[in-house]
Amino acid sequence: MKIAAAILAGGQSRRMGTDKASLPSLEDAETNLLLRTVRLAAHVFDPVFVVGRPQPEDWPRQENITFLPDEETNLGPAGGLASLLRHLSSDGQMEPLPAADDCAADAGAPDAAGMAGICL
């Protein structure tokens, strides 16, 4: 079974004043924090999603890494998670589940999420 990781790497860096992800790693000054985090995650998880930014042009090629820019900006971490969930469900990697109180009235009719006859 594959288990995915999502690294939330968006943000405007208002408090820090600079992009935290591009800061040099303490272990290796030639590696930034984002690259270090992605490499560590890729040793354990497959695939790894970097959410909230486009892929940098100089990013090393890795098969199981996908960059997902925010579909809607200025929504904070919730916007990044929404982009990730939309990507996973549209790519067939995840099936949406209805909320606990979102049951189809007719067991044969799909509800708004496309689920039929499922109630959690």
N, C-alpha and C. Protein backbone atom coordinates (compact mmCIF):
# COMPACT_ATOMS: atom_id res chain seq x y z
N MET A 1 0.84 -1.17 0.00
CA MET A 1 0.00 0.00 0.00
C MET A 1 0.89 1.25 0.00
N LYS A 2 0.59 2.16 -0.89
CA LYS A 2 1.33 3.42 -0.95
C LYS A 2 0.69 4.42 0.00
N ILE A 3 1.53 5.18 0.67
CA ILE A 3 1.06 6.25 1.55
C ILE A 3 1.70 7.54 1.08
N ALA A 4 0.86 8.52 0.79
CA ALA A 4 1.34 9.80 0.28
C ALA A 4 1.66 10.76 1.41
N ALA A 5 2.54 11.68 1.12
CA ALA A 5 2.86 12.78 2.03
C ALA A 5 2.53 14.09 1.33
N ALA A 6 2.06 15.04 2.10
CA ALA A 6 1.80 16.38 1.57
C ALA A 6 2.59 17.38 2.39
N ILE A 7 3.42 18.15 1.73
CA ILE A 7 4.21 19.19 2.37
C ILE A 7 3.58 20.53 2.00
N LEU A 8 3.04 21.22 2.99
CA LEU A 8 2.44 22.53 2.73
C LEU A 8 3.57 23.54 2.65
N ALA A 9 3.81 24.07 1.47
CA ALA A 9 4.97 24.93 1.23
C ALA A 9 4.59 26.27 0.63
N GLY A 10 3.35 26.68 0.84
CA GLY A 10 2.90 27.96 0.31
C GLY A 10 3.12 29.07 1.33
N GLY A 11 2.45 30.13 1.14
CA GLY A 11 2.52 31.24 2.08
C GLY A 11 3.18 32.46 1.48
N GLN A 12 2.93 33.58 2.12
CA GLN A 12 3.44 34.85 1.62
C GLN A 12 4.66 35.35 2.38
N SER A 13 5.05 34.65 3.42
CA SER A 13 6.24 35.00 4.21
C SER A 13 6.16 36.41 4.79
N ARG A 14 4.96 36.83 5.17
CA ARG A 14 4.80 38.18 5.72
C ARG A 14 5.55 38.36 7.03
N ARG A 15 5.45 37.40 7.92
CA ARG A 15 6.13 37.55 9.22
C ARG A 15 7.63 37.36 9.11
N MET A 16 8.05 36.39 8.30
CA MET A 16 9.47 36.08 8.17
C MET A 16 10.19 37.10 7.28
N GLY A 17 9.50 37.60 6.28
CA GLY A 17 10.10 38.56 5.37
C GLY A 17 10.87 37.92 4.23
N THR A 18 11.05 36.61 4.27
CA THR A 18 11.72 35.87 3.21
C THR A 18 11.11 34.48 3.13
N ASP A 19 11.24 33.84 2.01
CA ASP A 19 10.67 32.52 1.82
C ASP A 19 11.40 31.50 2.69
N LYS A 20 10.70 30.95 3.68
CA LYS A 20 11.33 29.99 4.60
C LYS A 20 11.83 28.75 3.87
N ALA A 21 11.10 28.30 2.88
CA ALA A 21 11.48 27.08 2.17
C ALA A 21 12.83 27.23 1.46
N SER A 22 13.21 28.44 1.12
CA SER A 22 14.46 28.63 0.40
C SER A 22 15.65 28.88 1.32
N LEU A 23 15.42 28.92 2.63
CA LEU A 23 16.53 29.10 3.56
C LEU A 23 17.45 27.89 3.52
N PRO A 24 18.75 28.09 3.73
CA PRO A 24 19.67 26.94 3.71
C PRO A 24 19.42 26.00 4.88
N SER A 25 19.57 24.74 4.62
CA SER A 25 19.44 23.72 5.66
C SER A 25 20.62 23.81 6.62
N LEU A 26 20.39 23.55 7.88
CA LEU A 26 21.48 23.58 8.86
C LEU A 26 22.47 22.44 8.63
N GLU A 27 21.98 21.32 8.08
CA GLU A 27 22.85 20.17 7.84
C GLU A 27 23.72 20.33 6.61
N ASP A 28 23.21 21.08 5.62
CA ASP A 28 23.93 21.22 4.35
C ASP A 28 23.57 22.58 3.77
N ALA A 29 24.49 23.51 3.82
CA ALA A 29 24.22 24.88 3.38
C ALA A 29 23.88 24.97 1.89
N GLU A 30 24.21 23.94 1.11
CA GLU A 30 23.90 23.95 -0.31
C GLU A 30 22.49 23.41 -0.60
N THR A 31 21.81 22.94 0.43
CA THR A 31 20.45 22.41 0.30
C THR A 31 19.51 23.32 1.06
N ASN A 32 18.38 23.69 0.43
CA ASN A 32 17.43 24.53 1.17
C ASN A 32 16.47 23.66 1.98
N LEU A 33 15.69 24.30 2.83
CA LEU A 33 14.79 23.56 3.72
C LEU A 33 13.75 22.74 2.96
N LEU A 34 13.23 23.29 1.87
CA LEU A 34 12.22 22.54 1.12
C LEU A 34 12.81 21.28 0.50
N LEU A 35 13.96 21.41 -0.14
CA LEU A 35 14.59 20.24 -0.76
C LEU A 35 14.92 19.18 0.30
N ARG A 36 15.41 19.60 1.43
CA ARG A 36 15.73 18.65 2.51
C ARG A 36 14.47 17.94 2.99
N THR A 37 13.39 18.70 3.18
CA THR A 37 12.14 18.11 3.66
C THR A 37 11.59 17.12 2.64
N VAL A 38 11.62 17.49 1.36
CA VAL A 38 11.12 16.61 0.31
C VAL A 38 11.95 15.34 0.24
N ARG A 39 13.26 15.46 0.30
CA ARG A 39 14.12 14.27 0.24
C ARG A 39 13.84 13.33 1.41
N LEU A 40 13.69 13.88 2.60
CA LEU A 40 13.39 13.05 3.77
C LEU A 40 12.04 12.35 3.61
N ALA A 41 11.04 13.09 3.16
CA ALA A 41 9.71 12.51 2.98
C ALA A 41 9.72 11.42 1.91
N ALA A 42 10.48 11.63 0.83
CA ALA A 42 10.51 10.68 -0.28
C ALA A 42 11.14 9.35 0.11
N HIS A 43 11.91 9.32 1.19
CA HIS A 43 12.48 8.06 1.67
C HIS A 43 11.43 7.19 2.34
N VAL A 44 10.35 7.80 2.79
CA VAL A 44 9.33 7.08 3.55
C VAL A 44 8.00 6.99 2.79
N PHE A 45 7.64 8.05 2.07
CA PHE A 45 6.34 8.15 1.44
C PHE A 45 6.45 8.13 -0.08
N ASP A 46 5.38 7.65 -0.71
CA ASP A 46 5.31 7.64 -2.16
C ASP A 46 3.84 7.68 -2.55
N PRO A 47 3.41 8.73 -3.20
CA PRO A 47 4.12 9.90 -3.69
C PRO A 47 4.24 10.99 -2.62
N VAL A 48 5.00 12.04 -2.97
CA VAL A 48 5.13 13.23 -2.14
C VAL A 48 4.59 14.41 -2.93
N PHE A 49 3.68 15.16 -2.30
CA PHE A 49 3.10 16.34 -2.92
C PHE A 49 3.63 17.57 -2.20
N VAL A 50 4.12 18.53 -2.96
CA VAL A 50 4.54 19.82 -2.43
C VAL A 50 3.43 20.80 -2.83
N VAL A 51 2.69 21.25 -1.83
CA VAL A 51 1.47 22.01 -2.07
C VAL A 51 1.71 23.49 -1.80
N GLY A 52 1.23 24.33 -2.71
CA GLY A 52 1.26 25.76 -2.47
C GLY A 52 2.26 26.54 -3.29
N ARG A 53 2.96 25.86 -4.18
CA ARG A 53 3.94 26.56 -5.03
C ARG A 53 4.19 25.75 -6.29
N PRO A 54 4.59 26.44 -7.35
CA PRO A 54 4.98 25.71 -8.57
C PRO A 54 6.36 25.09 -8.38
N GLN A 55 6.68 24.13 -9.22
CA GLN A 55 8.00 23.49 -9.16
C GLN A 55 9.06 24.47 -9.62
N PRO A 56 10.11 24.68 -8.81
CA PRO A 56 11.20 25.55 -9.25
C PRO A 56 11.88 25.00 -10.50
N GLU A 57 12.35 25.89 -11.35
CA GLU A 57 12.99 25.46 -12.60
C GLU A 57 14.23 24.62 -12.36
N ASP A 58 14.95 24.91 -11.27
CA ASP A 58 16.20 24.19 -11.00
C ASP A 58 16.00 22.98 -10.09
N TRP A 59 14.75 22.54 -9.93
CA TRP A 59 14.46 21.43 -9.02
C TRP A 59 14.98 20.12 -9.62
N PRO A 60 15.68 19.30 -8.81
CA PRO A 60 16.18 18.02 -9.34
C PRO A 60 15.01 17.08 -9.69
N ARG A 61 15.15 16.37 -10.77
CA ARG A 61 14.08 15.47 -11.24
C ARG A 61 13.93 14.30 -10.28
N GLN A 62 12.70 14.10 -9.81
CA GLN A 62 12.38 12.95 -8.96
C GLN A 62 11.01 12.44 -9.39
N GLU A 63 10.90 11.15 -9.60
CA GLU A 63 9.69 10.54 -10.14
C GLU A 63 8.46 10.71 -9.25
N ASN A 64 8.62 10.57 -7.96
CA ASN A 64 7.45 10.52 -7.09
C ASN A 64 7.12 11.85 -6.41
N ILE A 65 7.63 12.95 -6.96
CA ILE A 65 7.39 14.28 -6.38
C ILE A 65 6.48 15.06 -7.33
N THR A 66 5.40 15.62 -6.78
CA THR A 66 4.48 16.44 -7.58
C THR A 66 4.27 17.77 -6.89
N PHE A 67 4.47 18.85 -7.62
CA PHE A 67 4.21 20.19 -7.10
C PHE A 67 2.79 20.60 -7.48
N LEU A 68 2.05 21.11 -6.53
CA LEU A 68 0.67 21.56 -6.75
C LEU A 68 0.53 23.00 -6.30
N PRO A 69 0.57 23.95 -7.22
CA PRO A 69 0.33 25.35 -6.82
C PRO A 69 -1.10 25.48 -6.29
N ASP A 70 -1.31 26.43 -5.40
CA ASP A 70 -2.66 26.68 -4.89
C ASP A 70 -3.58 27.05 -6.05
N GLU A 71 -4.74 26.41 -6.10
CA GLU A 71 -5.72 26.75 -7.12
C GLU A 71 -6.35 28.10 -6.84
N GLU A 72 -6.53 28.41 -5.57
CA GLU A 72 -7.02 29.71 -5.15
C GLU A 72 -6.04 30.25 -4.12
N THR A 73 -5.62 31.48 -4.30
CA THR A 73 -4.60 32.04 -3.42
C THR A 73 -5.22 32.76 -2.23
N ASN A 74 -4.37 33.04 -1.27
CA ASN A 74 -4.73 33.80 -0.06
C ASN A 74 -5.75 33.11 0.83
N LEU A 75 -5.76 31.77 0.81
CA LEU A 75 -6.66 31.02 1.68
C LEU A 75 -5.90 30.28 2.79
N GLY A 76 -4.60 30.47 2.85
CA GLY A 76 -3.81 29.82 3.88
C GLY A 76 -3.71 28.31 3.67
N PRO A 77 -3.38 27.59 4.75
CA PRO A 77 -3.22 26.14 4.65
C PRO A 77 -4.49 25.42 4.16
N ALA A 78 -5.66 25.95 4.50
CA ALA A 78 -6.91 25.32 4.06
C ALA A 78 -7.01 25.33 2.53
N GLY A 79 -6.55 26.40 1.90
CA GLY A 79 -6.55 26.47 0.44
C GLY A 79 -5.62 25.43 -0.16
N GLY A 80 -4.47 25.25 0.46
CA GLY A 80 -3.53 24.23 -0.01
C GLY A 80 -4.10 22.83 0.12
N LEU A 81 -4.72 22.56 1.26
CA LEU A 81 -5.33 21.25 1.45
C LEU A 81 -6.47 21.01 0.45
N ALA A 82 -7.25 22.05 0.17
CA ALA A 82 -8.34 21.93 -0.81
C ALA A 82 -7.76 21.61 -2.19
N SER A 83 -6.67 22.26 -2.58
CA SER A 83 -6.02 21.98 -3.86
C SER A 83 -5.55 20.52 -3.91
N LEU A 84 -4.96 20.06 -2.82
CA LEU A 84 -4.47 18.68 -2.75
C LEU A 84 -5.63 17.69 -2.88
N LEU A 85 -6.69 17.91 -2.13
CA LEU A 85 -7.82 16.98 -2.17
C LEU A 85 -8.47 16.95 -3.55
N ARG A 86 -8.59 18.11 -4.19
CA ARG A 86 -9.15 18.14 -5.55
C ARG A 86 -8.25 17.36 -6.52
N HIS A 87 -6.95 17.53 -6.39
CA HIS A 87 -6.01 16.82 -7.26
C HIS A 87 -6.13 15.31 -7.05
N LEU A 88 -6.13 14.88 -5.81
CA LEU A 88 -6.17 13.45 -5.52
C LEU A 88 -7.47 12.82 -6.00
N SER A 89 -8.58 13.49 -5.79
CA SER A 89 -9.86 12.91 -6.20
C SER A 89 -10.02 12.95 -7.72
N SER A 90 -9.50 13.97 -8.39
CA SER A 90 -9.62 14.04 -9.85
C SER A 90 -8.64 13.09 -10.53
N ASP A 91 -7.57 12.73 -9.85
CA ASP A 91 -6.55 11.84 -10.41
C ASP A 91 -6.85 10.37 -10.11
N GLY A 92 -7.97 10.12 -9.41
CA GLY A 92 -8.34 8.75 -9.08
C GLY A 92 -7.53 8.15 -7.95
N GLN A 93 -6.74 8.96 -7.25
CA GLN A 93 -5.92 8.45 -6.16
C GLN A 93 -6.66 8.41 -4.84
N MET A 94 -7.83 9.06 -4.80
CA MET A 94 -8.59 9.10 -3.55
C MET A 94 -10.06 9.22 -3.89
N GLU A 95 -10.86 8.49 -3.19
CA GLU A 95 -12.30 8.59 -3.37
C GLU A 95 -12.85 9.53 -2.31
N PRO A 96 -13.69 10.48 -2.72
CA PRO A 96 -14.28 11.37 -1.71
C PRO A 96 -15.27 10.62 -0.84
N LEU A 97 -15.29 10.93 0.43
CA LEU A 97 -16.25 10.36 1.36
C LEU A 97 -17.20 11.46 1.81
N PRO A 98 -18.47 11.13 1.98
CA PRO A 98 -19.41 12.15 2.44
C PRO A 98 -19.22 12.44 3.92
N ALA A 99 -19.75 13.57 4.35
CA ALA A 99 -19.73 13.90 5.77
C ALA A 99 -20.63 12.92 6.50
N ALA A 100 -20.47 12.82 7.81
CA ALA A 100 -21.23 11.88 8.62
C ALA A 100 -22.74 12.10 8.48
N ASP A 101 -23.16 13.33 8.26
CA ASP A 101 -24.60 13.62 8.16
C ASP A 101 -25.06 13.80 6.72
N ASP A 102 -24.26 13.40 5.75
CA ASP A 102 -24.58 13.60 4.34
C ASP A 102 -24.94 12.26 3.71
N CYS A 103 -26.14 11.80 3.95
CA CYS A 103 -26.60 10.53 3.39
C CYS A 103 -27.58 10.80 2.26
N ALA A 104 -27.49 10.02 1.23
CA ALA A 104 -28.45 10.15 0.13
C ALA A 104 -29.82 9.72 0.62
N ALA A 105 -30.82 10.52 0.32
CA ALA A 105 -32.18 10.20 0.74
C ALA A 105 -32.64 8.88 0.12
N ASP A 106 -32.29 8.68 -1.13
CA ASP A 106 -32.62 7.44 -1.82
C ASP A 106 -31.31 6.66 -1.95
N ALA A 107 -31.29 5.46 -1.44
CA ALA A 107 -30.05 4.67 -1.42
C ALA A 107 -29.46 4.47 -2.80
N GLY A 108 -30.27 4.58 -3.85
CA GLY A 108 -29.74 4.39 -5.20
C GLY A 108 -29.32 5.68 -5.87
N ALA A 109 -29.62 6.83 -5.26
CA ALA A 109 -29.30 8.11 -5.89
C ALA A 109 -28.03 8.69 -5.31
N PRO A 110 -27.09 9.06 -6.16
CA PRO A 110 -25.86 9.66 -5.64
C PRO A 110 -26.15 11.02 -5.02
N ASP A 111 -25.42 11.33 -3.95
CA ASP A 111 -25.56 12.65 -3.33
C ASP A 111 -24.64 13.63 -4.03
N ALA A 112 -24.46 14.83 -3.46
CA ALA A 112 -23.65 15.87 -4.09
C ALA A 112 -22.22 15.43 -4.32
N ALA A 113 -21.70 14.56 -3.47
CA ALA A 113 -20.32 14.09 -3.62
C ALA A 113 -20.22 12.90 -4.56
N GLY A 114 -21.36 12.46 -5.12
CA GLY A 114 -21.34 11.32 -6.04
C GLY A 114 -21.40 9.99 -5.33
N MET A 115 -21.68 9.96 -4.05
CA MET A 115 -21.74 8.73 -3.27
C MET A 115 -23.19 8.25 -3.22
N ALA A 116 -23.39 6.99 -3.38
CA ALA A 116 -24.76 6.45 -3.34
C ALA A 116 -24.89 5.47 -2.18
N GLY A 117 -25.89 5.70 -1.36
CA GLY A 117 -26.24 4.75 -0.31
C GLY A 117 -25.18 4.57 0.76
N ILE A 118 -24.33 5.55 0.97
CA ILE A 118 -23.29 5.44 1.99
C ILE A 118 -23.57 6.47 3.07
N CYS A 119 -23.57 6.02 4.30
CA CYS A 119 -23.74 6.93 5.42
C CYS A 119 -22.77 6.51 6.50
N LEU A 120 -21.96 7.41 6.95
CA LEU A 120 -20.97 7.10 7.99
C LEU A 120 -21.50 7.50 9.34
